[in-house]
């Protein structure tokens, strides 16, 4: 009995997951599509769910966050500074 859940997935799920890992490492826009393909092929693919959460953290774009939570750029770049959520 294999204890490695990654080896117990379908070939399609494995290939899509490998593409998702590569896309995430390369910061490519195809990350989401590859993760969706992985989860479509194997909805219980634990590593794909973990990678999706990780991708949401590291690929998050500041313009998608509410304005009160954005971290501003240093002064002199033409954008607002840090907006405190307590003010």
Protein backbone atom coordinates (compact mmCIF):
# COMPACT_ATOMS: atom_id res chain seq x y z
CA UNK A 1 0.00 0.00 0.00
CA UNK A 2 1.43 3.33 -1.07
CA UNK A 3 1.41 6.10 1.51
CA UNK A 4 2.13 8.85 -1.01
CA UNK A 5 -1.18 10.49 -1.97
CA UNK A 6 0.48 12.17 -4.95
CA UNK A 7 1.12 8.77 -6.55
CA UNK A 8 -2.51 7.71 -6.10
CA UNK A 9 -3.90 10.39 -8.40
CA UNK A 10 -4.84 10.00 -12.02
CA UNK A 11 -2.35 10.69 -14.77
CA UNK A 12 -4.32 13.78 -15.86
CA UNK A 13 -4.36 15.17 -12.34
CA UNK A 14 -0.64 14.54 -11.92
CA UNK A 15 0.25 16.27 -15.19
CA UNK A 16 -1.99 19.26 -14.44
CA UNK A 17 -0.54 19.55 -10.93
CA UNK A 18 3.01 19.55 -12.26
CA UNK A 19 2.02 22.32 -14.68
CA UNK A 20 0.48 24.26 -11.79
CA UNK A 21 3.65 23.97 -9.70
CA UNK A 22 5.78 25.17 -12.61
CA UNK A 23 3.36 28.00 -13.42
CA UNK A 24 3.34 29.16 -9.80
CA UNK A 25 7.13 29.09 -9.57
CA UNK A 26 7.35 31.09 -12.79
CA UNK A 27 4.55 33.49 -11.72
CA UNK A 28 2.59 32.65 -14.86
CA UNK A 29 -1.09 33.45 -15.33
CA UNK A 30 -1.76 29.81 -16.25
CA UNK A 31 -1.47 28.78 -12.57
CA UNK A 32 -5.20 29.06 -11.98
CA UNK A 33 -6.13 27.06 -15.07
CA UNK A 34 -3.70 24.28 -14.17
CA UNK A 35 -5.03 24.10 -10.61
CA UNK A 36 -8.60 23.99 -11.90
CA UNK A 37 -7.66 21.15 -14.25
CA UNK A 38 -6.01 19.27 -11.38
CA UNK A 39 -9.04 19.59 -9.14
CA UNK A 40 -11.40 18.69 -11.97
CA UNK A 41 -9.45 15.48 -12.57
CA UNK A 42 -9.14 14.72 -8.84
CA UNK A 43 -11.31 16.82 -6.46
CA UNK A 44 -9.58 15.25 -3.44
CA UNK A 45 -6.03 16.15 -4.54
CA UNK A 46 -4.72 17.47 -1.22
CA UNK A 47 -1.54 18.99 -2.65
CA UNK A 48 -3.56 20.93 -5.23
CA UNK A 49 -5.75 22.41 -2.49
CA UNK A 50 -2.65 23.39 -0.52
CA UNK A 51 -1.01 24.87 -3.61
CA UNK A 52 -4.17 26.85 -4.39
CA UNK A 53 -4.05 28.44 -0.93
CA UNK A 54 -0.35 29.16 -1.27
CA UNK A 55 -0.87 30.63 -4.74
CA UNK A 56 -3.58 32.92 -3.39
CA UNK A 57 -1.10 34.27 -0.87
CA UNK A 58 1.97 34.76 -3.02
CA UNK A 59 0.28 35.79 -6.25
CA UNK A 60 -2.16 38.18 -4.58
CA UNK A 61 -2.23 41.58 -6.18
CA UNK A 62 -2.42 44.66 -3.99
CA UNK A 63 -5.06 46.31 -6.19
CA UNK A 64 -7.48 43.51 -5.35
CA UNK A 65 -7.29 44.22 -1.61
CA UNK A 66 -9.65 46.73 0.01
CA UNK A 67 -8.10 50.19 0.01
CA UNK A 68 -7.86 50.28 3.80
CA UNK A 69 -5.66 47.15 3.80
CA UNK A 70 -3.25 48.11 1.03
CA UNK A 71 0.39 48.66 1.81
CA UNK A 72 1.60 51.73 -0.01
CA UNK A 73 4.81 52.21 -1.88
CA UNK A 74 7.55 54.47 -0.53
CA UNK A 75 6.88 58.21 -0.96
CA UNK A 76 7.82 59.67 -4.29
CA UNK A 77 6.27 57.07 -6.54
CA UNK A 78 2.98 58.89 -7.02
CA UNK A 79 0.83 56.58 -4.92
CA UNK A 80 -0.71 56.83 -1.49
CA UNK A 81 1.26 55.61 1.50
CA UNK A 82 0.17 53.04 4.02
CA UNK A 83 -3.46 53.38 5.03
CA UNK A 84 -4.02 52.32 8.61
CA UNK A 85 -7.10 50.22 9.35
CA UNK A 86 -7.30 51.89 12.77
CA UNK A 87 -7.65 55.45 11.52
